[in-house]
N, C-alpha and C. Protein backbone atom coordinates (compact mmCIF):
# COMPACT_ATOMS: atom_id res chain seq x y z
N MET A 1 12.77 9.99 0.25
CA MET A 1 12.73 9.35 -1.04
C MET A 1 13.50 8.03 -0.96
N ILE A 2 12.94 7.02 -1.58
CA ILE A 2 13.57 5.70 -1.60
C ILE A 2 13.70 5.26 -3.05
N GLU A 3 14.85 4.71 -3.36
CA GLU A 3 15.11 4.23 -4.71
C GLU A 3 15.29 2.72 -4.68
N THR A 4 14.61 2.00 -5.57
CA THR A 4 14.81 0.57 -5.75
C THR A 4 15.42 0.37 -7.13
N GLU A 5 15.55 -0.85 -7.54
CA GLU A 5 16.16 -1.12 -8.85
C GLU A 5 15.43 -0.40 -9.98
N ARG A 6 14.09 -0.45 -9.98
CA ARG A 6 13.32 0.13 -11.09
C ARG A 6 12.42 1.29 -10.70
N LEU A 7 12.32 1.56 -9.40
CA LEU A 7 11.31 2.50 -8.92
C LEU A 7 11.90 3.60 -8.04
N LEU A 8 11.18 4.70 -8.02
CA LEU A 8 11.45 5.78 -7.10
C LEU A 8 10.19 5.94 -6.24
N LEU A 9 10.35 5.91 -4.92
CA LEU A 9 9.24 6.11 -3.99
C LEU A 9 9.46 7.47 -3.33
N ARG A 10 8.46 8.33 -3.48
CA ARG A 10 8.56 9.68 -2.91
C ARG A 10 7.19 10.11 -2.43
N ARG A 11 7.18 11.14 -1.62
CA ARG A 11 5.90 11.65 -1.14
C ARG A 11 5.07 12.17 -2.30
N LEU A 12 3.78 11.89 -2.22
CA LEU A 12 2.83 12.45 -3.18
C LEU A 12 2.62 13.93 -2.88
N THR A 13 2.39 14.70 -3.93
CA THR A 13 2.12 16.13 -3.77
C THR A 13 0.89 16.50 -4.60
N GLU A 14 0.43 17.71 -4.43
CA GLU A 14 -0.70 18.20 -5.22
C GLU A 14 -0.38 18.20 -6.71
N ASP A 15 0.88 18.32 -7.05
CA ASP A 15 1.29 18.29 -8.46
C ASP A 15 1.02 16.93 -9.11
N ASP A 16 0.81 15.90 -8.32
CA ASP A 16 0.53 14.56 -8.83
C ASP A 16 -0.94 14.34 -9.16
N LEU A 17 -1.79 15.30 -8.84
CA LEU A 17 -3.24 15.07 -8.90
C LEU A 17 -3.73 14.59 -10.27
N ASP A 18 -3.30 15.20 -11.35
CA ASP A 18 -3.81 14.80 -12.66
C ASP A 18 -3.47 13.34 -12.97
N ASP A 19 -2.21 12.95 -12.76
CA ASP A 19 -1.81 11.57 -13.02
C ASP A 19 -2.50 10.61 -12.04
N PHE A 20 -2.58 11.02 -10.78
CA PHE A 20 -3.23 10.23 -9.73
C PHE A 20 -4.69 9.98 -10.12
N ALA A 21 -5.40 11.06 -10.51
CA ALA A 21 -6.82 10.94 -10.87
C ALA A 21 -7.02 10.05 -12.08
N GLU A 22 -6.10 10.10 -13.03
CA GLU A 22 -6.21 9.24 -14.21
C GLU A 22 -6.12 7.77 -13.83
N ILE A 23 -5.22 7.44 -12.93
CA ILE A 23 -5.07 6.05 -12.47
C ILE A 23 -6.29 5.62 -11.67
N PHE A 24 -6.70 6.46 -10.74
CA PHE A 24 -7.76 6.06 -9.81
C PHE A 24 -9.17 6.17 -10.39
N ALA A 25 -9.28 6.66 -11.62
CA ALA A 25 -10.56 6.64 -12.33
C ALA A 25 -10.85 5.25 -12.90
N LYS A 26 -9.82 4.41 -12.95
CA LYS A 26 -9.97 3.07 -13.52
C LYS A 26 -10.62 2.13 -12.51
N GLU A 27 -11.69 1.49 -12.92
CA GLU A 27 -12.47 0.62 -12.03
C GLU A 27 -11.63 -0.48 -11.38
N PRO A 28 -10.73 -1.16 -12.10
CA PRO A 28 -9.97 -2.23 -11.45
C PRO A 28 -9.11 -1.74 -10.27
N VAL A 29 -8.66 -0.49 -10.30
CA VAL A 29 -7.80 0.04 -9.24
C VAL A 29 -8.59 0.14 -7.93
N MET A 30 -9.86 0.52 -8.02
CA MET A 30 -10.66 0.78 -6.82
C MET A 30 -11.75 -0.27 -6.58
N LYS A 31 -11.74 -1.33 -7.34
CA LYS A 31 -12.77 -2.38 -7.21
C LYS A 31 -12.84 -2.91 -5.78
N TYR A 32 -11.71 -3.11 -5.15
CA TYR A 32 -11.66 -3.64 -3.78
C TYR A 32 -11.41 -2.52 -2.79
N SER A 33 -12.31 -1.56 -2.78
CA SER A 33 -12.25 -0.43 -1.85
C SER A 33 -13.68 -0.09 -1.44
N THR A 34 -13.82 0.87 -0.57
CA THR A 34 -15.17 1.28 -0.19
C THR A 34 -15.91 1.90 -1.36
N TYR A 35 -15.20 2.39 -2.36
CA TYR A 35 -15.84 2.99 -3.52
C TYR A 35 -16.38 1.93 -4.48
N ARG A 36 -15.63 0.85 -4.67
CA ARG A 36 -15.98 -0.26 -5.56
C ARG A 36 -16.11 0.15 -7.03
N ARG A 37 -15.51 1.28 -7.39
CA ARG A 37 -15.57 1.80 -8.75
C ARG A 37 -14.45 2.81 -8.92
N GLY A 38 -14.23 3.22 -10.14
CA GLY A 38 -13.26 4.28 -10.38
C GLY A 38 -13.72 5.57 -9.73
N LEU A 39 -12.76 6.43 -9.41
CA LEU A 39 -13.06 7.67 -8.71
C LEU A 39 -13.24 8.84 -9.67
N SER A 40 -14.07 9.78 -9.26
CA SER A 40 -14.18 11.05 -9.98
C SER A 40 -12.93 11.87 -9.67
N PRO A 41 -12.65 12.90 -10.45
CA PRO A 41 -11.51 13.77 -10.13
C PRO A 41 -11.60 14.36 -8.72
N ALA A 42 -12.78 14.75 -8.28
CA ALA A 42 -12.94 15.31 -6.93
C ALA A 42 -12.65 14.26 -5.87
N GLU A 43 -13.09 13.02 -6.09
CA GLU A 43 -12.82 11.95 -5.13
C GLU A 43 -11.32 11.64 -5.08
N SER A 44 -10.68 11.64 -6.25
CA SER A 44 -9.23 11.43 -6.28
C SER A 44 -8.51 12.51 -5.50
N ALA A 45 -8.95 13.75 -5.65
CA ALA A 45 -8.34 14.86 -4.91
C ALA A 45 -8.51 14.66 -3.41
N GLU A 46 -9.68 14.16 -3.01
CA GLU A 46 -9.93 13.89 -1.59
C GLU A 46 -9.01 12.79 -1.06
N VAL A 47 -8.86 11.71 -1.82
CA VAL A 47 -7.98 10.60 -1.42
C VAL A 47 -6.53 11.09 -1.34
N LEU A 48 -6.10 11.83 -2.34
CA LEU A 48 -4.74 12.37 -2.33
C LEU A 48 -4.53 13.25 -1.10
N GLY A 49 -5.52 14.08 -0.77
CA GLY A 49 -5.43 14.93 0.42
C GLY A 49 -5.30 14.13 1.69
N ARG A 50 -6.04 13.02 1.79
CA ARG A 50 -5.94 12.17 2.99
C ARG A 50 -4.56 11.52 3.09
N ILE A 51 -4.01 11.11 1.95
CA ILE A 51 -2.67 10.52 1.95
C ILE A 51 -1.64 11.54 2.43
N MET A 52 -1.73 12.75 1.92
CA MET A 52 -0.77 13.79 2.32
C MET A 52 -0.97 14.16 3.79
N SER A 53 -2.20 14.20 4.27
CA SER A 53 -2.47 14.50 5.68
C SER A 53 -1.92 13.41 6.60
N HIS A 54 -2.01 12.14 6.16
CA HIS A 54 -1.49 11.03 6.98
C HIS A 54 -0.01 11.25 7.25
N TRP A 55 0.74 11.67 6.23
CA TRP A 55 2.17 11.96 6.42
C TRP A 55 2.36 13.04 7.48
N ASP A 56 1.58 14.11 7.39
CA ASP A 56 1.70 15.22 8.33
C ASP A 56 1.34 14.80 9.75
N GLU A 57 0.33 13.95 9.89
CA GLU A 57 -0.17 13.55 11.21
C GLU A 57 0.61 12.40 11.83
N GLN A 58 1.05 11.45 11.00
CA GLN A 58 1.67 10.22 11.51
C GLN A 58 3.19 10.19 11.30
N GLY A 59 3.71 11.01 10.41
CA GLY A 59 5.15 11.02 10.14
C GLY A 59 5.59 9.96 9.14
N PHE A 60 4.66 9.24 8.55
CA PHE A 60 4.93 8.26 7.50
C PHE A 60 3.66 8.11 6.68
N GLY A 61 3.77 7.38 5.58
CA GLY A 61 2.57 7.22 4.77
C GLY A 61 2.83 6.49 3.48
N LEU A 62 1.94 6.71 2.54
CA LEU A 62 2.00 6.10 1.22
C LEU A 62 2.82 6.98 0.30
N TRP A 63 3.68 6.34 -0.50
CA TRP A 63 4.53 7.05 -1.44
C TRP A 63 3.95 6.99 -2.85
N ALA A 64 4.29 7.97 -3.65
CA ALA A 64 4.10 7.86 -5.08
C ALA A 64 5.08 6.80 -5.57
N VAL A 65 4.61 5.91 -6.44
CA VAL A 65 5.48 4.92 -7.06
C VAL A 65 5.71 5.39 -8.49
N VAL A 66 6.97 5.70 -8.80
CA VAL A 66 7.34 6.27 -10.09
C VAL A 66 8.37 5.35 -10.75
N LYS A 67 8.12 5.00 -12.00
CA LYS A 67 9.10 4.20 -12.74
C LYS A 67 10.30 5.08 -13.08
N LYS A 68 11.48 4.59 -12.74
CA LYS A 68 12.70 5.34 -13.03
C LYS A 68 12.96 5.45 -14.53
N SER A 69 12.56 4.46 -15.29
CA SER A 69 12.86 4.44 -16.72
C SER A 69 12.22 5.59 -17.49
N ASP A 70 11.02 6.02 -17.06
CA ASP A 70 10.34 7.07 -17.81
C ASP A 70 9.71 8.16 -16.92
N GLY A 71 9.87 8.04 -15.61
CA GLY A 71 9.33 9.05 -14.71
C GLY A 71 7.82 9.04 -14.55
N VAL A 72 7.16 7.96 -14.98
CA VAL A 72 5.71 7.89 -14.93
C VAL A 72 5.23 7.40 -13.56
N LEU A 73 4.25 8.12 -13.00
CA LEU A 73 3.59 7.71 -11.76
C LEU A 73 2.70 6.52 -12.08
N ILE A 74 2.87 5.42 -11.33
CA ILE A 74 2.06 4.22 -11.59
C ILE A 74 1.13 3.88 -10.42
N GLY A 75 1.12 4.69 -9.36
CA GLY A 75 0.23 4.45 -8.24
C GLY A 75 0.88 4.83 -6.94
N TYR A 76 0.41 4.17 -5.88
CA TYR A 76 1.02 4.42 -4.56
C TYR A 76 1.30 3.11 -3.85
N GLU A 77 2.24 3.18 -2.93
CA GLU A 77 2.55 2.06 -2.04
C GLU A 77 3.28 2.63 -0.84
N GLY A 78 3.13 1.97 0.27
CA GLY A 78 3.82 2.40 1.48
C GLY A 78 3.10 1.94 2.72
N LEU A 79 3.22 2.73 3.76
CA LEU A 79 2.73 2.35 5.08
C LEU A 79 1.68 3.34 5.55
N ALA A 80 0.68 2.82 6.23
CA ALA A 80 -0.39 3.67 6.76
C ALA A 80 -0.95 3.03 8.03
N THR A 81 -1.76 3.77 8.72
CA THR A 81 -2.42 3.28 9.92
C THR A 81 -3.83 2.84 9.53
N PRO A 82 -4.18 1.57 9.73
CA PRO A 82 -5.49 1.07 9.29
C PRO A 82 -6.62 1.38 10.29
N PHE A 83 -6.93 2.66 10.41
CA PHE A 83 -7.95 3.09 11.36
C PHE A 83 -9.31 2.44 11.09
N PHE A 84 -9.59 2.05 9.85
CA PHE A 84 -10.89 1.49 9.50
C PHE A 84 -11.15 0.13 10.15
N LEU A 85 -10.11 -0.53 10.66
CA LEU A 85 -10.26 -1.87 11.24
C LEU A 85 -9.72 -1.87 12.68
N PRO A 86 -10.50 -1.37 13.63
CA PRO A 86 -10.03 -1.20 15.01
C PRO A 86 -9.50 -2.48 15.66
N GLU A 87 -9.98 -3.64 15.25
CA GLU A 87 -9.57 -4.88 15.90
C GLU A 87 -8.09 -5.21 15.72
N VAL A 88 -7.42 -4.59 14.72
CA VAL A 88 -5.99 -4.88 14.51
C VAL A 88 -5.08 -3.82 15.12
N MET A 89 -5.68 -2.79 15.67
CA MET A 89 -4.89 -1.68 16.21
C MET A 89 -4.27 -2.03 17.56
N PRO A 90 -3.13 -1.46 17.90
CA PRO A 90 -2.33 -0.56 17.08
C PRO A 90 -1.59 -1.35 16.01
N ALA A 91 -1.46 -0.73 14.85
CA ALA A 91 -0.82 -1.42 13.73
C ALA A 91 -0.34 -0.43 12.68
N VAL A 92 0.62 -0.89 11.90
CA VAL A 92 1.06 -0.21 10.69
C VAL A 92 0.81 -1.19 9.56
N GLU A 93 0.16 -0.71 8.51
CA GLU A 93 -0.23 -1.56 7.39
C GLU A 93 0.52 -1.17 6.13
N ILE A 94 0.98 -2.17 5.38
CA ILE A 94 1.51 -1.92 4.05
C ILE A 94 0.33 -1.95 3.10
N GLY A 95 0.29 -0.99 2.18
CA GLY A 95 -0.81 -0.93 1.22
C GLY A 95 -0.32 -0.45 -0.12
N TYR A 96 -1.08 -0.76 -1.16
CA TYR A 96 -0.69 -0.40 -2.51
C TYR A 96 -1.90 -0.39 -3.43
N ARG A 97 -1.84 0.48 -4.40
CA ARG A 97 -2.78 0.53 -5.51
C ARG A 97 -1.98 1.01 -6.71
N LEU A 98 -1.93 0.17 -7.73
CA LEU A 98 -1.15 0.50 -8.92
C LEU A 98 -2.03 0.48 -10.16
N ASP A 99 -1.62 1.22 -11.15
CA ASP A 99 -2.29 1.25 -12.44
C ASP A 99 -2.31 -0.18 -13.01
N PRO A 100 -3.46 -0.63 -13.51
CA PRO A 100 -3.53 -1.99 -14.07
C PRO A 100 -2.50 -2.24 -15.18
N ASP A 101 -2.07 -1.19 -15.89
CA ASP A 101 -1.03 -1.37 -16.91
C ASP A 101 0.30 -1.80 -16.30
N SER A 102 0.44 -1.64 -14.99
CA SER A 102 1.68 -2.00 -14.30
C SER A 102 1.57 -3.32 -13.52
N TRP A 103 0.42 -3.94 -13.56
CA TRP A 103 0.22 -5.20 -12.84
C TRP A 103 1.04 -6.32 -13.50
N GLY A 104 1.43 -7.28 -12.68
CA GLY A 104 2.11 -8.46 -13.19
C GLY A 104 3.57 -8.25 -13.56
N LYS A 105 4.13 -7.13 -13.16
CA LYS A 105 5.52 -6.82 -13.50
C LYS A 105 6.43 -6.80 -12.28
N GLY A 106 5.89 -7.13 -11.12
CA GLY A 106 6.70 -7.18 -9.90
C GLY A 106 6.88 -5.86 -9.19
N TYR A 107 6.21 -4.80 -9.66
CA TYR A 107 6.38 -3.49 -9.04
C TYR A 107 5.85 -3.46 -7.60
N ALA A 108 4.70 -4.07 -7.36
CA ALA A 108 4.13 -4.06 -6.00
C ALA A 108 5.06 -4.78 -5.03
N THR A 109 5.64 -5.88 -5.45
CA THR A 109 6.56 -6.62 -4.59
C THR A 109 7.85 -5.82 -4.36
N GLU A 110 8.37 -5.22 -5.41
CA GLU A 110 9.60 -4.43 -5.30
C GLU A 110 9.41 -3.24 -4.35
N ALA A 111 8.33 -2.50 -4.55
CA ALA A 111 8.04 -1.37 -3.66
C ALA A 111 7.68 -1.86 -2.26
N GLY A 112 7.06 -3.02 -2.18
CA GLY A 112 6.70 -3.60 -0.88
C GLY A 112 7.93 -3.95 -0.06
N ARG A 113 8.93 -4.50 -0.69
CA ARG A 113 10.18 -4.81 0.03
C ARG A 113 10.81 -3.55 0.60
N ALA A 114 10.80 -2.49 -0.20
CA ALA A 114 11.36 -1.21 0.27
C ALA A 114 10.51 -0.65 1.41
N SER A 115 9.21 -0.81 1.32
CA SER A 115 8.31 -0.32 2.38
C SER A 115 8.52 -1.08 3.68
N LEU A 116 8.67 -2.38 3.58
CA LEU A 116 8.94 -3.18 4.79
C LEU A 116 10.27 -2.78 5.41
N ALA A 117 11.30 -2.62 4.59
CA ALA A 117 12.61 -2.22 5.11
C ALA A 117 12.51 -0.88 5.84
N TYR A 118 11.80 0.06 5.25
CA TYR A 118 11.60 1.37 5.88
C TYR A 118 10.86 1.22 7.21
N GLY A 119 9.82 0.43 7.21
CA GLY A 119 9.04 0.24 8.43
C GLY A 119 9.81 -0.42 9.55
N PHE A 120 10.59 -1.44 9.21
CA PHE A 120 11.32 -2.17 10.25
C PHE A 120 12.59 -1.45 10.70
N THR A 121 13.19 -0.66 9.83
CA THR A 121 14.43 0.00 10.22
C THR A 121 14.20 1.45 10.64
N THR A 122 13.65 2.25 9.76
CA THR A 122 13.47 3.68 10.05
C THR A 122 12.39 3.92 11.09
N LEU A 123 11.23 3.24 10.94
CA LEU A 123 10.12 3.44 11.88
C LEU A 123 10.22 2.55 13.11
N ASP A 124 11.11 1.56 13.06
CA ASP A 124 11.32 0.63 14.18
C ASP A 124 10.05 -0.14 14.55
N CYS A 125 9.27 -0.52 13.54
CA CYS A 125 8.06 -1.33 13.78
C CYS A 125 8.44 -2.73 14.24
N GLU A 126 7.69 -3.25 15.17
CA GLU A 126 7.87 -4.63 15.60
C GLU A 126 7.19 -5.60 14.62
N ARG A 127 6.08 -5.14 14.01
CA ARG A 127 5.37 -5.95 13.03
C ARG A 127 4.66 -5.01 12.06
N ILE A 128 4.44 -5.51 10.87
CA ILE A 128 3.70 -4.79 9.85
C ILE A 128 2.63 -5.75 9.33
N ILE A 129 1.43 -5.21 9.13
CA ILE A 129 0.35 -6.04 8.63
C ILE A 129 -0.02 -5.61 7.21
N ALA A 130 -0.84 -6.41 6.58
CA ALA A 130 -1.44 -6.09 5.29
C ALA A 130 -2.85 -6.66 5.32
N ILE A 131 -3.77 -5.94 4.73
CA ILE A 131 -5.18 -6.33 4.76
C ILE A 131 -5.71 -6.32 3.33
N TYR A 132 -6.42 -7.38 2.96
CA TYR A 132 -7.04 -7.37 1.64
C TYR A 132 -8.38 -8.09 1.68
N GLN A 133 -9.26 -7.70 0.74
CA GLN A 133 -10.52 -8.40 0.59
C GLN A 133 -10.21 -9.75 -0.02
N THR A 134 -10.75 -10.81 0.55
CA THR A 134 -10.37 -12.16 0.14
C THR A 134 -10.62 -12.44 -1.33
N GLU A 135 -11.51 -11.72 -1.97
CA GLU A 135 -11.73 -11.90 -3.40
C GLU A 135 -10.56 -11.36 -4.23
N ASN A 136 -9.75 -10.50 -3.65
CA ASN A 136 -8.63 -9.88 -4.35
C ASN A 136 -7.39 -10.76 -4.24
N VAL A 137 -7.44 -11.89 -4.91
CA VAL A 137 -6.40 -12.92 -4.80
C VAL A 137 -5.02 -12.38 -5.19
N ARG A 138 -4.95 -11.53 -6.20
CA ARG A 138 -3.66 -10.98 -6.65
C ARG A 138 -2.96 -10.24 -5.51
N SER A 139 -3.73 -9.50 -4.72
CA SER A 139 -3.14 -8.75 -3.62
C SER A 139 -2.56 -9.71 -2.57
N GLY A 140 -3.28 -10.78 -2.29
CA GLY A 140 -2.78 -11.77 -1.35
C GLY A 140 -1.48 -12.40 -1.81
N ARG A 141 -1.34 -12.60 -3.11
CA ARG A 141 -0.11 -13.18 -3.64
C ARG A 141 1.08 -12.26 -3.41
N VAL A 142 0.86 -10.95 -3.54
CA VAL A 142 1.94 -9.99 -3.27
C VAL A 142 2.38 -10.14 -1.82
N MET A 143 1.43 -10.22 -0.91
CA MET A 143 1.76 -10.35 0.52
C MET A 143 2.57 -11.61 0.78
N GLU A 144 2.20 -12.69 0.12
CA GLU A 144 2.95 -13.93 0.29
C GLU A 144 4.37 -13.80 -0.27
N ARG A 145 4.51 -13.14 -1.42
CA ARG A 145 5.86 -12.93 -1.99
C ARG A 145 6.72 -12.07 -1.07
N LEU A 146 6.07 -11.22 -0.27
CA LEU A 146 6.80 -10.40 0.69
C LEU A 146 7.16 -11.17 1.96
N GLY A 147 6.77 -12.44 2.03
CA GLY A 147 7.09 -13.27 3.19
C GLY A 147 6.10 -13.15 4.32
N MET A 148 4.97 -12.51 4.08
CA MET A 148 3.96 -12.34 5.13
C MET A 148 3.13 -13.62 5.24
N HIS A 149 2.48 -13.77 6.38
CA HIS A 149 1.63 -14.94 6.62
C HIS A 149 0.30 -14.51 7.22
N VAL A 150 -0.70 -15.36 7.09
CA VAL A 150 -2.05 -15.04 7.56
C VAL A 150 -2.04 -14.90 9.08
N GLU A 151 -2.59 -13.80 9.54
CA GLU A 151 -2.76 -13.54 10.97
C GLU A 151 -4.20 -13.82 11.39
N ARG A 152 -5.16 -13.43 10.56
CA ARG A 152 -6.58 -13.67 10.87
C ARG A 152 -7.44 -13.38 9.65
N ASP A 153 -8.64 -13.95 9.69
CA ASP A 153 -9.70 -13.59 8.76
C ASP A 153 -10.75 -12.84 9.56
N THR A 154 -11.35 -11.83 8.95
CA THR A 154 -12.34 -11.03 9.64
C THR A 154 -13.28 -10.43 8.60
N ILE A 155 -14.13 -9.53 9.04
CA ILE A 155 -15.12 -8.89 8.18
C ILE A 155 -14.89 -7.38 8.17
N HIS A 156 -14.99 -6.78 7.00
CA HIS A 156 -14.87 -5.32 6.88
C HIS A 156 -16.03 -4.69 7.64
N PRO A 157 -15.76 -3.80 8.59
CA PRO A 157 -16.82 -3.24 9.43
C PRO A 157 -17.87 -2.42 8.68
N GLU A 158 -17.52 -1.84 7.55
CA GLU A 158 -18.48 -1.04 6.78
C GLU A 158 -19.10 -1.82 5.63
N LEU A 159 -18.29 -2.58 4.92
CA LEU A 159 -18.74 -3.24 3.70
C LEU A 159 -19.31 -4.63 3.94
N GLY A 160 -18.90 -5.27 5.04
CA GLY A 160 -19.34 -6.64 5.30
C GLY A 160 -18.59 -7.67 4.49
N ASP A 161 -17.57 -7.27 3.75
CA ASP A 161 -16.79 -8.20 2.94
C ASP A 161 -15.78 -8.95 3.80
N GLY A 162 -15.44 -10.15 3.36
CA GLY A 162 -14.40 -10.91 4.03
C GLY A 162 -13.04 -10.26 3.82
N LEU A 163 -12.28 -10.17 4.90
CA LEU A 163 -10.93 -9.63 4.87
C LEU A 163 -9.95 -10.67 5.38
N ARG A 164 -8.77 -10.64 4.84
CA ARG A 164 -7.67 -11.46 5.36
C ARG A 164 -6.58 -10.50 5.80
N VAL A 165 -6.08 -10.73 7.00
CA VAL A 165 -5.00 -9.91 7.54
C VAL A 165 -3.73 -10.75 7.55
N TYR A 166 -2.71 -10.24 6.88
CA TYR A 166 -1.39 -10.87 6.89
C TYR A 166 -0.51 -10.07 7.83
N GLU A 167 0.57 -10.69 8.29
CA GLU A 167 1.52 -9.97 9.13
C GLU A 167 2.92 -10.50 8.90
N LEU A 168 3.88 -9.68 9.31
CA LEU A 168 5.29 -10.05 9.29
C LEU A 168 5.95 -9.31 10.45
N SER A 169 6.65 -10.06 11.29
CA SER A 169 7.37 -9.41 12.40
C SER A 169 8.76 -9.01 11.92
N ARG A 170 9.37 -8.10 12.65
CA ARG A 170 10.73 -7.68 12.32
C ARG A 170 11.68 -8.87 12.40
N ASP A 171 11.50 -9.73 13.41
CA ASP A 171 12.37 -10.91 13.54
C ASP A 171 12.20 -11.85 12.35
N GLU A 172 10.96 -12.05 11.89
CA GLU A 172 10.72 -12.89 10.71
C GLU A 172 11.36 -12.27 9.47
N TRP A 173 11.22 -10.96 9.36
CA TRP A 173 11.81 -10.23 8.22
C TRP A 173 13.32 -10.41 8.21
N ARG A 174 13.94 -10.27 9.38
CA ARG A 174 15.40 -10.47 9.46
C ARG A 174 15.78 -11.91 9.13
N ALA A 175 14.98 -12.87 9.60
CA ALA A 175 15.28 -14.27 9.36
C ALA A 175 15.20 -14.61 7.86
N GLN A 176 14.46 -13.81 7.10
CA GLN A 176 14.37 -14.00 5.67
C GLN A 176 15.62 -13.48 4.95
N GLY A 177 16.54 -12.93 5.73
CA GLY A 177 17.78 -12.44 5.14
C GLY A 177 17.78 -10.96 4.83
N GLN A 178 16.79 -10.26 5.32
CA GLN A 178 16.74 -8.81 5.09
C GLN A 178 17.73 -8.14 6.04
N LYS A 179 18.20 -6.98 5.64
CA LYS A 179 19.18 -6.26 6.45
C LYS A 179 18.52 -5.12 7.16
N SER A 180 18.90 -4.92 8.42
CA SER A 180 18.35 -3.79 9.18
C SER A 180 19.38 -2.71 9.33
């Protein structure tokens, strides 16, 4: 579990399914995904299961992002292995999906800083990447606020959409004044 100024990051569990499904049923949350639409409850359960399995298989993963002020789950953020894009492997990717009601409040950046710190210190990553569909400009702005820079542009192997890959090395992260 990781605590930031306003957020609690913890592993997702099956007990989160109802709140998770409510968030991921919203079209804006999944617009830039292979689904391109809000998820059904069964699809949300499948995604939640994959997130929990990633933790079991890889030893790290995406956290539930919970507001400390009211205990409300607002989405997920953390680290994962981007198996869908073989050209960047081996890699650890920072990723996030938050409820649109929480957008524009700095939560993705706040949780992202904690995720980077965890990746560079606890996981001892040399670099962390982030991938977004180029139409998802808001996501790219979060990556820039995290100090990441463009590594490459490419194409999503399944969707054919343009992707931008950002990266940040541990040395760059330290040079930004982060503590290890």
